Amino acid sequence: MYVIEGLYLASSAALVAVGLLMVALATRAYLQTERRAMIHLALGFVLVVAAAASTTISAFLTDFENVRSLLVVNSGFTTIGYAFVVYSLVSYE
């Protein structure tokens, strides 16, 4: 494994860990307040985490082939995830 691959793996793992923490915090906030915005926030970060995790796993499984396809899928999931995050902010009561 090259150094850059190790750094990519480490940064992706950190993103997944912090993203899942945000999902847990948003879910807990929903259970305490019953504000629907917290569900949208959690769903948004689930999609961002899914994008990071699936891209990282796919990149290593395919030995970093089809990079363009990986980036398109990553950008799509991340964009939709952040759209949910933004919606949670503008719909907060």
Foldseek 3Di string as FASTA:
>chain_A
DDPVLVVLVVVLVVLLVVLVVLLVVLVVVCVVPVWCLSVLLNQLSVLLNCLSVVLSVVCVVVVNPPVVVSVVSSVVSNVVSVVSNVCSVVPGD
